[in-house]
Amino acid sequence: MPRAVKGVLVECDPSIKAIILKIDEDFHHAFIVEDLDHQTLVVKESKLAELKERLEKILEKTQMMEKEEESDPEQPG
């Protein structure tokens, strides 16, 4: 018998969606209920907070890497 899962509609840029898809894949599809289009997903309501936390950590790491590259005097540019 089919089971219903509470979900939250998430709209984001395609680049952020790609990161969310990677997180979901890394955790054995624990977050996404349905991938609707290039910028829309349905995420399990019970996993939304955890997904946001993981996404924020990845984005912080990315920003720190960009800042390090900008401030590195040995890099040409």
PDB file of N, CA and C in Angstrom:
ATOM      1  N   MET A   1       0.842  -1.170   0.000  1.00  0.00           N
ATOM      2  CA  MET A   1       0.000   0.000   0.000  1.00  0.00           C
ATOM      3  C   MET A   1       0.900   1.250   0.000  1.00  0.00           C
ATOM      4  N   PRO A   2       0.570   2.259  -0.804  1.00  0.00           N
ATOM      5  CA  PRO A   2       1.370   3.491  -0.851  1.00  0.00           C
ATOM      6  C   PRO A   2       1.302   4.259   0.466  1.00  0.00           C
ATOM      7  N   ARG A   3       2.416   4.933   0.756  1.00  0.00           N
ATOM      8  CA  ARG A   3       2.486   5.769   1.962  1.00  0.00           C
ATOM      9  C   ARG A   3       2.655   7.211   1.552  1.00  0.00           C
ATOM     10  N   ALA A   4       2.028   8.100   2.268  1.00  0.00           N
ATOM     11  CA  ALA A   4       2.180   9.533   2.022  1.00  0.00           C
ATOM     12  C   ALA A   4       3.322  10.062   2.883  1.00  0.00           C
ATOM     13  N   VAL A   5       4.099  10.976   2.302  1.00  0.00           N
ATOM     14  CA  VAL A   5       5.202  11.603   3.019  1.00  0.00           C
ATOM     15  C   VAL A   5       4.975  13.101   2.976  1.00  0.00           C
ATOM     16  N   LYS A   6       5.017  13.749   4.148  1.00  0.00           N
ATOM     17  CA  LYS A   6       4.883  15.206   4.177  1.00  0.00           C
ATOM     18  C   LYS A   6       6.102  15.829   3.528  1.00  0.00           C
ATOM     19  N   GLY A   7       5.847  16.777   2.633  1.00  0.00           N
ATOM     20  CA  GLY A   7       6.956  17.425   1.960  1.00  0.00           C
ATOM     21  C   GLY A   7       6.801  18.926   1.930  1.00  0.00           C
ATOM     22  N   VAL A   8       7.914  19.591   1.648  1.00  0.00           N
ATOM     23  CA  VAL A   8       7.960  21.045   1.547  1.00  0.00           C
ATOM     24  C   VAL A   8       8.470  21.378   0.151  1.00  0.00           C
ATOM     25  N   LEU A   9       7.774  22.284  -0.529  1.00  0.00           N
ATOM     26  CA  LEU A   9       8.203  22.721  -1.840  1.00  0.00           C
ATOM     27  C   LEU A   9       9.375  23.677  -1.691  1.00  0.00           C
ATOM     28  N   VAL A  10      10.481  23.377  -2.366  1.00  0.00           N
ATOM     29  CA  VAL A  10      11.685  24.199  -2.287  1.00  0.00           C
ATOM     30  C   VAL A  10      12.006  24.708  -3.689  1.00  0.00           C
ATOM     31  N   GLU A  11      12.073  26.039  -3.823  1.00  0.00           N
ATOM     32  CA  GLU A  11      12.464  26.654  -5.084  1.00  0.00           C
ATOM     33  C   GLU A  11      13.810  27.333  -4.872  1.00  0.00           C
ATOM     34  N   CYS A  12      14.752  27.089  -5.788  1.00  0.00           N
ATOM     35  CA  CYS A  12      16.088  27.644  -5.642  1.00  0.00           C
ATOM     36  C   CYS A  12      16.744  27.765  -7.016  1.00  0.00           C
ATOM     37  N   ASP A  13      17.902  28.409  -7.037  1.00  0.00           N
ATOM     38  CA  ASP A  13      18.687  28.495  -8.268  1.00  0.00           C
ATOM     39  C   ASP A  13      19.160  27.098  -8.653  1.00  0.00           C
ATOM     40  N   PRO A  14      19.342  26.858  -9.950  1.00  0.00           N
ATOM     41  CA  PRO A  14      19.838  25.549 -10.384  1.00  0.00           C
ATOM     42  C   PRO A  14      21.176  25.164  -9.740  1.00  0.00           C
ATOM     43  N   SER A  15      22.034  26.142  -9.462  1.00  0.00           N
ATOM     44  CA  SER A  15      23.326  25.818  -8.824  1.00  0.00           C
ATOM     45  C   SER A  15      23.133  25.297  -7.395  1.00  0.00           C
ATOM     46  N   ILE A  16      22.215  25.893  -6.654  1.00  0.00           N
ATOM     47  CA  ILE A  16      21.913  25.430  -5.297  1.00  0.00           C
ATOM     48  C   ILE A  16      21.220  24.072  -5.354  1.00  0.00           C
ATOM     49  N   LYS A  17      20.343  23.901  -6.337  1.00  0.00           N
ATOM     50  CA  LYS A  17      19.652  22.619  -6.483  1.00  0.00           C
ATOM     51  C   LYS A  17      20.659  21.500  -6.723  1.00  0.00           C
ATOM     52  N   ALA A  18      21.696  21.784  -7.504  1.00  0.00           N
ATOM     53  CA  ALA A  18      22.727  20.775  -7.773  1.00  0.00           C
ATOM     54  C   ALA A  18      23.420  20.350  -6.482  1.00  0.00           C
ATOM     55  N   ILE A  19      23.677  21.299  -5.603  1.00  0.00           N
ATOM     56  CA  ILE A  19      24.300  20.980  -4.311  1.00  0.00           C
ATOM     57  C   ILE A  19      23.344  20.140  -3.461  1.00  0.00           C
ATOM     58  N   ILE A  20      22.069  20.511  -3.451  1.00  0.00           N
ATOM     59  CA  ILE A  20      21.073  19.748  -2.694  1.00  0.00           C
ATOM     60  C   ILE A  20      20.976  18.313  -3.220  1.00  0.00           C
ATOM     61  N   LEU A  21      20.985  18.152  -4.533  1.00  0.00           N
ATOM     62  CA  LEU A  21      20.939  16.806  -5.117  1.00  0.00           C
ATOM     63  C   LEU A  21      22.147  15.980  -4.701  1.00  0.00           C
ATOM     64  N   LYS A  22      23.312  16.617  -4.642  1.00  0.00           N
ATOM     65  CA  LYS A  22      24.537  15.921  -4.226  1.00  0.00           C
ATOM     66  C   LYS A  22      24.440  15.503  -2.755  1.00  0.00           C
ATOM     67  N   ILE A  23      23.940  16.401  -1.904  1.00  0.00           N
ATOM     68  CA  ILE A  23      23.753  16.063  -0.490  1.00  0.00           C
ATOM     69  C   ILE A  23      22.808  14.868  -0.370  1.00  0.00           C
ATOM     70  N   ASP A  24      21.703  14.907  -1.086  1.00  0.00           N
ATOM     71  CA  ASP A  24      20.725  13.820  -1.046  1.00  0.00           C
ATOM     72  C   ASP A  24      21.349  12.495  -1.493  1.00  0.00           C
ATOM     73  N   GLU A  25      22.142  12.556  -2.545  1.00  0.00           N
ATOM     74  CA  GLU A  25      22.811  11.349  -3.043  1.00  0.00           C
ATOM     75  C   GLU A  25      23.796  10.796  -2.010  1.00  0.00           C
ATOM     76  N   ASP A  26      24.569  11.690  -1.388  1.00  0.00           N
ATOM     77  CA  ASP A  26      25.555  11.274  -0.389  1.00  0.00           C
ATOM     78  C   ASP A  26      24.917  10.612   0.832  1.00  0.00           C
ATOM     79  N   PHE A  27      23.677  10.975   1.123  1.00  0.00           N
ATOM     80  CA  PHE A  27      22.983  10.421   2.287  1.00  0.00           C
ATOM     81  C   PHE A  27      21.879   9.443   1.880  1.00  0.00           C
ATOM     82  N   HIS A  28      22.109   8.744   0.768  1.00  0.00           N
ATOM     83  CA  HIS A  28      21.230   7.658   0.319  1.00  0.00           C
ATOM     84  C   HIS A  28      19.775   8.115   0.157  1.00  0.00           C
ATOM     85  N   HIS A  29      19.605   9.293  -0.445  1.00  0.00           N
ATOM     86  CA  HIS A  29      18.285   9.827  -0.799  1.00  0.00           C
ATOM     87  C   HIS A  29      17.376  10.004   0.423  1.00  0.00           C
ATOM     88  N   ALA A  30      17.941  10.581   1.454  1.00  0.00           N
ATOM     89  CA  ALA A  30      17.210  10.776   2.704  1.00  0.00           C
ATOM     90  C   ALA A  30      16.399  12.076   2.732  1.00  0.00           C
ATOM     91  N   PHE A  31      16.605  12.974   1.768  1.00  0.00           N
ATOM     92  CA  PHE A  31      16.005  14.305   1.855  1.00  0.00           C
ATOM     93  C   PHE A  31      14.931  14.594   0.814  1.00  0.00           C
ATOM     94  N   ILE A  32      15.139  14.208  -0.419  1.00  0.00           N
ATOM     95  CA  ILE A  32      14.259  14.615  -1.520  1.00  0.00           C
ATOM     96  C   ILE A  32      13.157  13.588  -1.743  1.00  0.00           C
ATOM     97  N   VAL A  33      11.924  14.109  -1.829  1.00  0.00           N
ATOM     98  CA  VAL A  33      10.771  13.276  -2.156  1.00  0.00           C
ATOM     99  C   VAL A  33      10.615  13.233  -3.677  1.00  0.00           C
ATOM    100  N   GLU A  34      10.715  14.402  -4.322  1.00  0.00           N
ATOM    101  CA  GLU A  34      10.513  14.491  -5.766  1.00  0.00           C
ATOM    102  C   GLU A  34      11.311  15.645  -6.351  1.00  0.00           C
ATOM    103  N   ASP A  35      11.932  15.408  -7.474  1.00  0.00           N
ATOM    104  CA  ASP A  35      12.656  16.422  -8.244  1.00  0.00           C
ATOM    105  C   ASP A  35      11.701  16.866  -9.351  1.00  0.00           C
ATOM    106  N   LEU A  36      11.176  18.095  -9.245  1.00  0.00           N
ATOM    107  CA  LEU A  36      10.108  18.519 -10.142  1.00  0.00           C
ATOM    108  C   LEU A  36      10.599  19.154 -11.446  1.00  0.00           C
ATOM    109  N   ASP A  37      11.505  20.118 -11.349  1.00  0.00           N
ATOM    110  CA  ASP A  37      12.052  20.747 -12.551  1.00  0.00           C
ATOM    111  C   ASP A  37      13.417  21.330 -12.234  1.00  0.00           C
ATOM    112  N   HIS A  38      13.940  22.198 -13.105  1.00  0.00           N
ATOM    113  CA  HIS A  38      15.319  22.687 -12.952  1.00  0.00           C
ATOM    114  C   HIS A  38      15.552  23.554 -11.716  1.00  0.00           C
ATOM    115  N   GLN A  39      14.491  23.996 -11.054  1.00  0.00           N
ATOM    116  CA  GLN A  39      14.695  24.793  -9.840  1.00  0.00           C
ATOM    117  C   GLN A  39      13.705  24.477  -8.719  1.00  0.00           C
ATOM    118  N   THR A  40      13.019  23.348  -8.802  1.00  0.00           N
ATOM    119  CA  THR A  40      12.011  23.026  -7.797  1.00  0.00           C
ATOM    120  C   THR A  40      12.140  21.572  -7.338  1.00  0.00           C
ATOM    121  N   LEU A  41      12.067  21.399  -6.020  1.00  0.00           N
ATOM    122  CA  LEU A  41      12.135  20.080  -5.386  1.00  0.00           C
ATOM    123  C   LEU A  41      11.061  19.987  -4.314  1.00  0.00           C
ATOM    124  N   VAL A  42      10.674  18.764  -3.978  1.00  0.00           N
ATOM    125  CA  VAL A  42       9.881  18.522  -2.778  1.00  0.00           C
ATOM    126  C   VAL A  42      10.807  17.787  -1.814  1.00  0.00           C
ATOM    127  N   VAL A  43      10.985  18.370  -0.634  1.00  0.00           N
ATOM    128  CA  VAL A  43      11.895  17.839   0.380  1.00  0.00           C
ATOM    129  C   VAL A  43      11.064  17.334   1.552  1.00  0.00           C
ATOM    130  N   LYS A  44      11.507  16.231   2.157  1.00  0.00           N
ATOM    131  CA  LYS A  44      10.815  15.699   3.336  1.00  0.00           C
ATOM    132  C   LYS A  44      10.793  16.771   4.424  1.00  0.00           C
ATOM    133  N   GLU A  45       9.602  17.037   4.929  1.00  0.00           N
ATOM    134  CA  GLU A  45       9.440  18.070   5.953  1.00  0.00           C
ATOM    135  C   GLU A  45      10.307  17.787   7.179  1.00  0.00           C
ATOM    136  N   SER A  46      10.390  16.540   7.569  1.00  0.00           N
ATOM    137  CA  SER A  46      11.154  16.170   8.767  1.00  0.00           C
ATOM    138  C   SER A  46      12.663  16.328   8.579  1.00  0.00           C
ATOM    139  N   LYS A  47      13.126  16.453   7.337  1.00  0.00           N
ATOM    140  CA  LYS A  47      14.561  16.551   7.052  1.00  0.00           C
ATOM    141  C   LYS A  47      14.976  17.945   6.593  1.00  0.00           C
ATOM    142  N   LEU A  48      14.040  18.870   6.506  1.00  0.00           N
ATOM    143  CA  LEU A  48      14.337  20.193   5.964  1.00  0.00           C
ATOM    144  C   LEU A  48      15.401  20.934   6.776  1.00  0.00           C
ATOM    145  N   ALA A  49      15.299  20.943   8.086  1.00  0.00           N
ATOM    146  CA  ALA A  49      16.268  21.656   8.931  1.00  0.00           C
ATOM    147  C   ALA A  49      17.670  21.073   8.759  1.00  0.00           C
ATOM    148  N   GLU A  50      17.776  19.755   8.729  1.00  0.00           N
ATOM    149  CA  GLU A  50      19.073  19.111   8.548  1.00  0.00           C
ATOM    150  C   GLU A  50      19.658  19.447   7.180  1.00  0.00           C
ATOM    151  N   LEU A  51      18.817  19.436   6.155  1.00  0.00           N
ATOM    152  CA  LEU A  51      19.275  19.770   4.805  1.00  0.00           C
ATOM    153  C   LEU A  51      19.785  21.204   4.744  1.00  0.00           C
ATOM    154  N   LYS A  52      19.053  22.131   5.356  1.00  0.00           N
ATOM    155  CA  LYS A  52      19.488  23.534   5.385  1.00  0.00           C
ATOM    156  C   LYS A  52      20.856  23.671   6.064  1.00  0.00           C
ATOM    157  N   GLU A  53      21.031  22.976   7.161  1.00  0.00           N
ATOM    158  CA  GLU A  53      22.293  23.028   7.908  1.00  0.00           C
ATOM    159  C   GLU A  53      23.457  22.513   7.052  1.00  0.00           C
ATOM    160  N   ARG A  54      23.248  21.399   6.395  1.00  0.00           N
ATOM    161  CA  ARG A  54      24.298  20.828   5.540  1.00  0.00           C
ATOM    162  C   ARG A  54      24.611  21.752   4.354  1.00  0.00           C
ATOM    163  N   LEU A  55      23.584  22.339   3.773  1.00  0.00           N
ATOM    164  CA  LEU A  55      23.769  23.257   2.656  1.00  0.00           C
ATOM    165  C   LEU A  55      24.541  24.497   3.101  1.00  0.00           C
ATOM    166  N   GLU A  56      24.186  25.050   4.247  1.00  0.00           N
ATOM    167  CA  GLU A  56      24.889  26.231   4.762  1.00  0.00           C
ATOM    168  C   GLU A  56      26.371  25.939   5.001  1.00  0.00           C
ATOM    169  N   LYS A  57      26.689  24.771   5.535  1.00  0.00           N
ATOM    170  CA  LYS A  57      28.091  24.401   5.773  1.00  0.00           C
ATOM    171  C   LYS A  57      28.870  24.335   4.460  1.00  0.00           C
ATOM    172  N   ILE A  58      28.264  23.745   3.447  1.00  0.00           N
ATOM    173  CA  ILE A  58      28.929  23.648   2.142  1.00  0.00           C
ATOM    174  C   ILE A  58      29.129  25.034   1.544  1.00  0.00           C
ATOM    175  N   LEU A  59      28.123  25.890   1.629  1.00  0.00           N
ATOM    176  CA  LEU A  59      28.237  27.239   1.081  1.00  0.00           C
ATOM    177  C   LEU A  59      29.284  28.059   1.836  1.00  0.00           C
ATOM    178  N   GLU A  60      29.377  27.891   3.150  1.00  0.00           N
ATOM    179  CA  GLU A  60      30.402  28.588   3.935  1.00  0.00           C
ATOM    180  C   GLU A  60      31.796  28.153   3.505  1.00  0.00           C
ATOM    181  N   LYS A  61      31.986  26.851   3.307  1.00  0.00           N
ATOM    182  CA  LYS A  61      33.284  26.346   2.851  1.00  0.00           C
ATOM    183  C   LYS A  61      33.644  26.937   1.494  1.00  0.00           C
ATOM    184  N   THR A  62      32.668  26.997   0.606  1.00  0.00           N
ATOM    185  CA  THR A  62      32.898  27.548  -0.732  1.00  0.00           C
ATOM    186  C   THR A  62      33.295  29.013  -0.650  1.00  0.00           C
ATOM    187  N   GLN A  63      32.609  29.787   0.182  1.00  0.00           N
ATOM    188  CA  GLN A  63      32.929  31.205   0.336  1.00  0.00           C
ATOM    189  C   GLN A  63      34.313  31.401   0.934  1.00  0.00           C
ATOM    190  N   MET A  64      34.677  30.557   1.903  1.00  0.00           N
ATOM    191  CA  MET A  64      36.000  30.668   2.515  1.00  0.00           C
ATOM    192  C   MET A  64      37.086  30.368   1.486  1.00  0.00           C
ATOM    193  N   MET A  65      36.853  29.385   0.636  1.00  0.00           N
ATOM    194  CA  MET A  65      37.822  29.046  -0.400  1.00  0.00           C
ATOM    195  C   MET A  65      37.981  30.201  -1.384  1.00  0.00           C
ATOM    196  N   GLU A  66      36.880  30.853  -1.744  1.00  0.00           N
ATOM    197  CA  GLU A  66      36.943  31.991  -2.658  1.00  0.00           C
ATOM    198  C   GLU A  66      37.710  33.152  -2.035  1.00  0.00           C
ATOM    199  N   LYS A  67      37.484  33.416  -0.755  1.00  0.00           N
ATOM    200  CA  LYS A  67      38.190  34.502  -0.070  1.00  0.00           C
ATOM    201  C   LYS A  67      39.681  34.226  -0.001  1.00  0.00           C
ATOM    202  N   GLU A  68      40.050  32.967   0.259  1.00  0.00           N
ATOM    203  CA  GLU A  68      41.468  32.595   0.313  1.00  0.00           C
ATOM    204  C   GLU A  68      42.124  32.792  -1.052  1.00  0.00           C
ATOM    205  N   GLU A  69      41.435  32.447  -2.109  1.00  0.00           N
ATOM    206  CA  GLU A  69      41.983  32.615  -3.449  1.00  0.00           C
ATOM    207  C   GLU A  69      42.169  34.094  -3.784  1.00  0.00           C
ATOM    208  N   GLU A  70      41.228  34.934  -3.360  1.00  0.00           N
ATOM    209  CA  GLU A  70      41.320  36.381  -3.611  1.00  0.00           C
ATOM    210  C   GLU A  70      42.456  37.019  -2.845  1.00  0.00           C
ATOM    211  N   SER A  71      42.722  36.543  -1.634  1.00  0.00           N
ATOM    212  CA  SER A  71      43.732  37.164  -0.790  1.00  0.00           C
ATOM    213  C   SER A  71      45.126  36.568  -0.958  1.00  0.00           C
ATOM    214  N   ASP A  72      45.265  35.507  -1.756  1.00  0.00           N
ATOM    215  CA  ASP A  72      46.572  34.859  -1.951  1.00  0.00           C
ATOM    216  C   ASP A  72      47.412  35.694  -2.916  1.00  0.00           C
ATOM    217  N   PRO A  73      48.474  36.359  -2.427  1.00  0.00           N
ATOM    218  CA  PRO A  73      49.274  37.229  -3.285  1.00  0.00           C
ATOM    219  C   PRO A  73      50.101  36.485  -4.334  1.00  0.00           C
ATOM    220  N   GLU A  74      50.314  35.191  -4.136  1.00  0.00           N
ATOM    221  CA  GLU A  74      51.099  34.420  -5.082  1.00  0.00           C
ATOM    222  C   GLU A  74      50.293  33.991  -6.301  1.00  0.00           C
ATOM    223  N   GLN A  75      48.983  34.070  -6.212  1.00  0.00           N
ATOM    224  CA  GLN A  75      48.140  33.704  -7.340  1.00  0.00           C
ATOM    225  C   GLN A  75      48.161  34.823  -8.371  1.00  0.00           C
ATOM    226  N   PRO A  76      48.348  34.507  -9.652  1.00  0.00           N
ATOM    227  CA  PRO A  76      48.270  35.548 -10.686  1.00  0.00           C
ATOM    228  C   PRO A  76      46.832  36.016 -10.849  1.00  0.00           C
ATOM    229  N   GLY A  77      46.683  37.283 -11.177  1.00  0.00           N
ATOM    230  CA  GLY A  77      45.343  37.753 -11.415  1.00  0.00           C
ATOM    231  C   GLY A  77      45.046  39.020 -10.858  1.00  0.00           C
TER     232      GLY A  77
END
